Amino acid sequence: MRFRQIHLDFHNHENVPIGTRFSKKQFQDMLQLGNVDSITIFAKCFHGWAYYNTKKFDKHPALQFDLLAEMIDAAHEIGVRTPVYINVGLDEQLARRHPEWLMRDENDRTTWDAGFKEPGLHVFCFHSPYLERITQQIEEVVSGYDADGIFLDIVYPKACYCHNCRMTLRAEGKDPRDEKAVMELAERVYANYTAQVNERVREIKPDMAVFHNSGIRCGRRDIAAMNSHLEVESLPSGGWGYDYFPISARYLQQIEKNIVGMTGRFNKNWGEFGGYKHPNSFRFEAALCLAHGTRCSVGDHLHPDGIMDPIVYKSVGDAYREVEAKESWCTGVENVADVAVLAVESLGPSEERMGRTDIGAYRILQEGNVLFDFIDTDSDFAAYKVVVLPDKVRITPKLAVKLERYFENGGKVLATGESGLNEAGDAFAIDLGVTWIGANPFQPDFFRPYFATRSLGEGSFVFYAQGQKVELGAGGTELGVREDPYFNRDANEYYFTHTPNCRNNAGPGMVESANGIYLAWNAFLDYGENASLFVKETILHALDLLLGSRKTLVTSLPSLGVVSLQHQPDHSRYVNHLIYAYPVKRGKEMEIIEDITPIYDVEVSLKLTERVSRVYLAPQLEELSYEQEGAVIRYKVPVIDCHQMVVIDCQ
């Protein structure tokens, strides 16, 4: 799998001239300017138009030559791979002719459009004759062109209430009004789609890479398995933000498939013409990909006339030259993690791409320089020293057995809020040194820790998120207490923001036991929404207690940095990634990377089981002095200019 990729969109209305200025030389020149080694090019767009000489389907009426073939030949001539894009879920030309094949919501409305007076897109249901049609088009492209893979877009299991889906449910004796039954059918329809496409592609080209772009959620190993490799579409300024990609990558890296991290060149979102991000954003986003064990891809959109944009490829090229120099230290890597976060997203459906609880957990651990993964309930808990159960992890009988086995082998948990309760939510299903009384009727309320927080010292601190009232149980040790407000703020009794604490002892707020630590609030949600410093420092204090001297990595990298440790077992070495660049909010909720300020003399200590033979900076190949005392090595990184790798060779 190549490291320096472009994903080239090309979605065009029929009333626009197409390819009139396309030049093989200009196309090649831009790929070389961008230092690109793979470009995903287009066969069919969301309007339904083909950009190749199709025998059965709808070629764009303004295209006078085989653009797909020209691009493949031009790219291959300079050693660039060419996966091919087909928009599977959308086809506006066909939607006008076969509206009966479209997905419908529970109100019998088509999806992705606000009505015929507004621009909109229409998603097709694969439980219709459309599946056979699109499969034939995929076969036509795979058999007729020297593609290096197939990228299939706008596909996912989603509830559909179209005529075909309702009829099938009734034939199976199920009620179309039953949301669970509708979603079960959606899962079957999606699995059937991927199985049919994969089988028919492999009949033609057994080794062809096939990726179905469904946005793989934490916990969906079954969907990940339907792909030859994985791509994480995540445009930071296009609604995903800078949290989505690292969380996804820290989960997906456990699945033994190559991963591509896909950002975009757009200042706003896909399909923006004349909008550009600062070149430093590409350096930062490429560094994030490498630090999380993935390849890099930048989304672009070709102008209808076929001219590649030199502004884009100059900016991308600067970043990709850095990537090229680093590739040999970024292949065949495994993330090293002390802590695992059991992703709330993995436990059930949610309308959010990623909820604030998981985002809060990611931010606290990343800002605290903790080595961590996101996991699901099928992950190997024994691989981690601490498993975090954030806020909403109810314990099923199967999970209880797994956790008890983990505890028996010395594992610890950090549980917050409702986590640890049974499925009914009326008692703890695992021993955390506390007995559950009920949800606290006061919100917000307060926590008075028995320890001094790192930055603020001692005090009483407000929790805005829901808390739980607990009693101290056998084997539990209080680490802090709850304090109630005088009253809940309402129309009769109120302060400006909320009521102050009455300084009472309302029971345990944080308890340590043989199995770990319990904190009685939805603390990760609170941090994800409010970014309270004391919440972060309370969580990091708990992890310090649980990890003790077992921490693999300690560093002076500031909280705006990103640190990871990747193991390259085939080379008997570790690669310590250190990144320092950070997004700022500009415009209306836009996360922007512009300035990158170097930082100096960052200290790192690593605790490794292997004996170290060499430490050096990569890709500079400059030796780095270090000290080794027992299992701990220490070194100082002289400068981090966006991204620095430190390589630790082991004997």
Foldseek 3Di string as FASTA:
>chain_A
DDFFEAEAAAADDLVDAFQQPADLVLLLVLCVLLVHQEYEEEQAHQQGAGQAPDDPGHHRPNRDHNPVQSNCVSNVVVNHAYAYEDALFHHNVVCVVCVLQFFADPVRHFPQDPDPVDDGTGTGQLLDVSLVVVLVVLLCDLQPHPHQAYEYEDAAQDQGDGPSLCVVQVVVVHHSVPPVSSSVVSVVSRVVSLVSNLVSSCVRPVPHWYHYPHLDWAQPVVNCVSGQAEEHEAACQAPRNPQNVLQVLLACLVPPHAYEYEYEQALHHPPDPPGGAALVVLLQVSLSQQQSLHRYYYYHYADRNNRDDNVSSNSSNVNVVVVVQCVVVRPQKDFQAQEEEAAPVSPDDDPDSHDLLSSLVVLLCQLQVHRYGYHHLPDQQLSHQEYEHFADAAAEPVSLVNLVVCLVVNHAYEYEAQPQHHPVSQFGPDDFQKTFDFWDPAAWWWKFFPFQFPPHTGDIGTQRFIFTQIAGHPQKDAGIFIFGFPDFADPVDADDPTGDTPPDGRHGQKIGGSRFIYGGGSLSSRCSVPVDPRSSRVVVVRVCVSCPPVGFKDKPQHSQKGWTWIDNVVQQKIKIKIFHWAFDDDDDRGTGTHDFDKDAFMKMKGFAPFAWDFKAKPPVRHGWDWDDDPRMIMTTGGMHRGMIMMMTHGD
